[in-house]
Amino acid sequence: MSGIGRGAAWGLALALWAAAGEEPGKKDEAVPKLDGVWTGFTVLGKGETPDRGPVHLKLTIKGDHVDAERLDNQQLPMKEGTYKITPGKPMEMDGTSVNPRGRGQTFLGIAELSGDTLKWCVSTPNNPRPTEFETKKPSFLVILKRQKE
């Protein structure tokens, strides 16, 4: 698996999870509701081709829990976790999970929700929060669409 593919699969499975929170002083900004099924891709560059990429994903989000799977029949290193959203422009979206060795990992990210499209850029663990929506090491960009039930 390529570096972008593995990092994206790992991070997405970890970073789109859990209870939305609010930061003091930002109570007037709404925290989006992400419950539902989301599908999409890790994308290259700034997302010029949002309908294809190195990793095809499906996320099921309910409350503070997310289950993730790859739709190309490859394994994700992590399959579930939690997330926290801090409102803002862009909003901060950080994910946490426990790896197979029992260690907690946090992925710092930024996100933007427009209708039923979620654009999320996240760094791999122990790296700073990205400042722009673009796949470039050590971060990657994921574009997901909410599926209709």
C-alpha atoms as a PDB file:
ATOM      1  CA  MET A   1       0.000   0.000   0.000  1.00  0.00           C
ATOM      2  CA  SER A   2       1.326   3.462  -0.806  1.00  0.00           C
ATOM      3  CA  GLY A   3       2.328   5.923   1.936  1.00  0.00           C
ATOM      4  CA  ILE A   4      -0.693   8.119   1.238  1.00  0.00           C
ATOM      5  CA  GLY A   5      -3.032   5.128   1.087  1.00  0.00           C
ATOM      6  CA  ARG A   6      -1.859   3.586   4.342  1.00  0.00           C
ATOM      7  CA  GLY A   7      -1.706   6.891   6.195  1.00  0.00           C
ATOM      8  CA  ALA A   8      -5.131   7.868   4.922  1.00  0.00           C
ATOM      9  CA  ALA A   9      -6.669   4.543   5.828  1.00  0.00           C
ATOM     10  CA  TRP A  10      -5.078   4.628   9.275  1.00  0.00           C
ATOM     11  CA  GLY A  11      -5.933   8.234   9.994  1.00  0.00           C
ATOM     12  CA  LEU A  12      -9.451   8.197   8.640  1.00  0.00           C
ATOM     13  CA  ALA A  13     -10.379   5.135  10.594  1.00  0.00           C
ATOM     14  CA  LEU A  14      -9.116   6.965  13.652  1.00  0.00           C
ATOM     15  CA  ALA A  15      -9.926  10.555  13.099  1.00  0.00           C
ATOM     16  CA  LEU A  16     -13.568  10.765  12.234  1.00  0.00           C
ATOM     17  CA  TRP A  17     -14.888   9.665  15.552  1.00  0.00           C
ATOM     18  CA  ALA A  18     -16.685  10.663  18.779  1.00  0.00           C
ATOM     19  CA  ALA A  19     -18.460  13.263  20.795  1.00  0.00           C
ATOM     20  CA  ALA A  20     -18.588  16.747  19.390  1.00  0.00           C
ATOM     21  CA  GLY A  21     -17.325  19.349  21.824  1.00  0.00           C
ATOM     22  CA  GLU A  22     -17.370  23.103  22.107  1.00  0.00           C
ATOM     23  CA  GLU A  23     -14.547  25.424  22.965  1.00  0.00           C
ATOM     24  CA  PRO A  24     -15.299  28.310  25.346  1.00  0.00           C
ATOM     25  CA  GLY A  25     -16.163  31.460  23.421  1.00  0.00           C
ATOM     26  CA  LYS A  26     -17.347  29.539  20.367  1.00  0.00           C
ATOM     27  CA  LYS A  27     -20.793  28.548  21.624  1.00  0.00           C
ATOM     28  CA  ASP A  28     -22.543  30.572  18.923  1.00  0.00           C
ATOM     29  CA  GLU A  29     -21.045  28.384  16.182  1.00  0.00           C
ATOM     30  CA  ALA A  30     -22.903  25.161  15.456  1.00  0.00           C
ATOM     31  CA  VAL A  31     -21.232  21.768  15.676  1.00  0.00           C
ATOM     32  CA  PRO A  32     -22.381  19.733  12.653  1.00  0.00           C
ATOM     33  CA  LYS A  33     -24.190  16.431  13.105  1.00  0.00           C
ATOM     34  CA  LEU A  34     -22.307  13.711  11.264  1.00  0.00           C
ATOM     35  CA  ASP A  35     -24.445  10.656  12.101  1.00  0.00           C
ATOM     36  CA  GLY A  36     -24.942   8.444   9.066  1.00  0.00           C
ATOM     37  CA  VAL A  37     -23.040   6.523   6.427  1.00  0.00           C
ATOM     38  CA  TRP A  38     -20.307   8.350   4.502  1.00  0.00           C
ATOM     39  CA  THR A  39     -18.337   7.100   1.498  1.00  0.00           C
ATOM     40  CA  GLY A  40     -15.459   8.663  -0.360  1.00  0.00           C
ATOM     41  CA  PHE A  41     -11.763   8.716  -1.057  1.00  0.00           C
ATOM     42  CA  THR A  42      -8.458   9.955   0.132  1.00  0.00           C
ATOM     43  CA  VAL A  43      -7.590  12.319  -2.693  1.00  0.00           C
ATOM     44  CA  LEU A  44      -4.424  13.716  -4.164  1.00  0.00           C
ATOM     45  CA  GLY A  45      -3.497  17.386  -4.207  1.00  0.00           C
ATOM     46  CA  LYS A  46      -6.291  19.758  -3.230  1.00  0.00           C
ATOM     47  CA  GLY A  47      -9.087  17.380  -4.203  1.00  0.00           C
ATOM     48  CA  GLU A  48      -9.319  18.274  -7.879  1.00  0.00           C
ATOM     49  CA  THR A  49     -10.737  14.754  -8.477  1.00  0.00           C
ATOM     50  CA  PRO A  50     -12.957  14.106  -5.422  1.00  0.00           C
ATOM     51  CA  ASP A  51     -14.522  10.947  -6.882  1.00  0.00           C
ATOM     52  CA  ARG A  52     -11.334   8.868  -6.950  1.00  0.00           C
ATOM     53  CA  GLY A  53      -8.152   8.367  -4.971  1.00  0.00           C
ATOM     54  CA  PRO A  54      -5.757   5.821  -3.470  1.00  0.00           C
ATOM     55  CA  VAL A  55      -8.154   4.619  -0.734  1.00  0.00           C
ATOM     56  CA  HIS A  56     -11.940   4.122  -1.080  1.00  0.00           C
ATOM     57  CA  LEU A  57     -13.635   4.306   2.346  1.00  0.00           C
ATOM     58  CA  LYS A  58     -16.958   3.849   4.091  1.00  0.00           C
ATOM     59  CA  LEU A  59     -17.580   5.346   7.539  1.00  0.00           C
ATOM     60  CA  THR A  60     -20.587   4.708   9.733  1.00  0.00           C
ATOM     61  CA  ILE A  61     -20.918   7.414  12.384  1.00  0.00           C
ATOM     62  CA  LYS A  62     -23.346   7.187  15.283  1.00  0.00           C
ATOM     63  CA  GLY A  63     -23.054   9.545  18.226  1.00  0.00           C
ATOM     64  CA  ASP A  64     -19.508   9.297  19.488  1.00  0.00           C
ATOM     65  CA  HIS A  65     -18.602   6.130  17.612  1.00  0.00           C
ATOM     66  CA  VAL A  66     -17.309   5.531  14.091  1.00  0.00           C
ATOM     67  CA  ASP A  67     -16.740   2.278  12.255  1.00  0.00           C
ATOM     68  CA  ALA A  68     -14.551   2.418   9.153  1.00  0.00           C
ATOM     69  CA  GLU A  69     -13.911   0.022   6.318  1.00  0.00           C
ATOM     70  CA  ARG A  70     -12.131   0.077   3.002  1.00  0.00           C
ATOM     71  CA  LEU A  71     -14.322  -0.584  -0.018  1.00  0.00           C
ATOM     72  CA  ASP A  72     -11.462  -2.066  -2.048  1.00  0.00           C
ATOM     73  CA  ASN A  73     -11.289  -5.254   0.080  1.00  0.00           C
ATOM     74  CA  GLN A  74      -8.044  -4.291   1.827  1.00  0.00           C
ATOM     75  CA  GLN A  75      -7.620  -4.152   5.586  1.00  0.00           C
ATOM     76  CA  LEU A  76      -7.593  -0.942   7.582  1.00  0.00           C
ATOM     77  CA  PRO A  77      -5.069  -0.934  10.409  1.00  0.00           C
ATOM     78  CA  MET A  78      -7.760   0.616  12.623  1.00  0.00           C
ATOM     79  CA  LYS A  79     -11.488   0.135  12.318  1.00  0.00           C
ATOM     80  CA  GLU A  80     -13.078   2.296  14.994  1.00  0.00           C
ATOM     81  CA  GLY A  81     -12.550   5.295  17.248  1.00  0.00           C
ATOM     82  CA  THR A  82     -13.909   8.651  18.426  1.00  0.00           C
ATOM     83  CA  TYR A  83     -13.754  12.247  17.212  1.00  0.00           C
ATOM     84  CA  LYS A  84     -14.149  15.763  18.555  1.00  0.00           C
ATOM     85  CA  ILE A  85     -15.129  18.871  16.625  1.00  0.00           C
ATOM     86  CA  THR A  86     -14.264  22.431  17.637  1.00  0.00           C
ATOM     87  CA  PRO A  87     -16.287  25.002  15.659  1.00  0.00           C
ATOM     88  CA  GLY A  88     -14.449  27.611  13.643  1.00  0.00           C
ATOM     89  CA  LYS A  89     -13.396  28.495  10.115  1.00  0.00           C
ATOM     90  CA  PRO A  90     -12.155  25.918   9.377  1.00  0.00           C
ATOM     91  CA  MET A  91     -13.460  23.723  12.164  1.00  0.00           C
ATOM     92  CA  GLU A  92     -10.990  21.485  13.950  1.00  0.00           C
ATOM     93  CA  MET A  93     -11.737  17.783  13.751  1.00  0.00           C
ATOM     94  CA  ASP A  94      -9.511  15.504  15.821  1.00  0.00           C
ATOM     95  CA  GLY A  95      -9.760  11.728  16.011  1.00  0.00           C
ATOM     96  CA  THR A  96      -8.562   9.287  18.625  1.00  0.00           C
ATOM     97  CA  SER A  97      -8.278   5.518  18.650  1.00  0.00           C
ATOM     98  CA  VAL A  98      -6.281   2.731  20.207  1.00  0.00           C
ATOM     99  CA  ASN A  99      -3.881   0.810  17.998  1.00  0.00           C
ATOM    100  CA  PRO A 100      -3.576  -3.007  18.144  1.00  0.00           C
ATOM    101  CA  ARG A 101      -0.841  -2.659  20.785  1.00  0.00           C
ATOM    102  CA  GLY A 102      -3.186  -0.731  23.092  1.00  0.00           C
ATOM    103  CA  ARG A 103      -1.631   2.710  22.582  1.00  0.00           C
ATOM    104  CA  GLY A 104      -3.882   5.718  22.111  1.00  0.00           C
ATOM    105  CA  GLN A 105      -3.283   7.805  19.009  1.00  0.00           C
ATOM    106  CA  THR A 106      -4.585  11.261  18.164  1.00  0.00           C
ATOM    107  CA  PHE A 107      -4.880  12.675  14.668  1.00  0.00           C
ATOM    108  CA  LEU A 108      -5.202  16.473  14.391  1.00  0.00           C
ATOM    109  CA  GLY A 109      -7.267  17.792  11.520  1.00  0.00           C
ATOM    110  CA  ILE A 110      -9.343  20.525   9.943  1.00  0.00           C
ATOM    111  CA  ALA A 111     -12.721  19.979   8.308  1.00  0.00           C
ATOM    112  CA  GLU A 112     -15.402  21.684   6.279  1.00  0.00           C
ATOM    113  CA  LEU A 113     -18.987  20.493   5.800  1.00  0.00           C
ATOM    114  CA  SER A 114     -20.919  21.735   2.763  1.00  0.00           C
ATOM    115  CA  GLY A 115     -24.333  20.102   2.394  1.00  0.00           C
ATOM    116  CA  ASP A 116     -23.686  16.358   2.296  1.00  0.00           C
ATOM    117  CA  THR A 117     -19.969  16.666   1.495  1.00  0.00           C
ATOM    118  CA  LEU A 118     -17.332  16.499   4.218  1.00  0.00           C
ATOM    119  CA  LYS A 119     -13.822  17.674   3.364  1.00  0.00           C
ATOM    120  CA  TRP A 120     -11.346  16.643   6.032  1.00  0.00           C
ATOM    121  CA  CYS A 121      -7.578  17.059   6.151  1.00  0.00           C
ATOM    122  CA  VAL A 122      -5.666  15.247   8.879  1.00  0.00           C
ATOM    123  CA  SER A 123      -2.057  14.767   9.936  1.00  0.00           C
ATOM    124  CA  THR A 124      -0.568  11.480  10.940  1.00  0.00           C
ATOM    125  CA  PRO A 125       0.064  11.057  14.721  1.00  0.00           C
ATOM    126  CA  ASN A 126       2.681  13.289  16.372  1.00  0.00           C
ATOM    127  CA  ASN A 127       2.496  15.874  13.597  1.00  0.00           C
ATOM    128  CA  PRO A 128       1.009  19.381  13.681  1.00  0.00           C
ATOM    129  CA  ARG A 129      -2.521  20.204  12.569  1.00  0.00           C
ATOM    130  CA  PRO A 130      -2.707  20.931   8.810  1.00  0.00           C
ATOM    131  CA  THR A 131      -3.422  24.536   7.845  1.00  0.00           C
ATOM    132  CA  GLU A 132      -4.856  23.943   4.366  1.00  0.00           C
ATOM    133  CA  PHE A 133      -6.958  21.312   2.615  1.00  0.00           C
ATOM    134  CA  GLU A 134      -4.321  19.426   0.650  1.00  0.00           C
ATOM    135  CA  THR A 135      -2.637  16.027   0.604  1.00  0.00           C
ATOM    136  CA  LYS A 136       1.024  16.608   1.359  1.00  0.00           C
ATOM    137  CA  LYS A 137       3.185  14.838   3.900  1.00  0.00           C
ATOM    138  CA  PRO A 138       2.503  14.415   6.780  1.00  0.00           C
ATOM    139  CA  SER A 139      -1.204  15.089   6.088  1.00  0.00           C
ATOM    140  CA  PHE A 140      -3.808  13.790   3.693  1.00  0.00           C
ATOM    141  CA  LEU A 141      -7.166  15.001   2.390  1.00  0.00           C
ATOM    142  CA  VAL A 142     -10.351  12.925   2.479  1.00  0.00           C
ATOM    143  CA  ILE A 143     -13.569  13.859   0.690  1.00  0.00           C
ATOM    144  CA  LEU A 144     -16.709  12.002   1.815  1.00  0.00           C
ATOM    145  CA  LYS A 145     -20.372  12.135   0.763  1.00  0.00           C
ATOM    146  CA  ARG A 146     -23.234  11.357   3.139  1.00  0.00           C
ATOM    147  CA  GLN A 147     -25.307   8.473   1.775  1.00  0.00           C
ATOM    148  CA  LYS A 148     -29.093   8.714   1.645  1.00  0.00           C
ATOM    149  CA  GLU A 149     -30.913   6.060   3.644  1.00  0.00           C
END
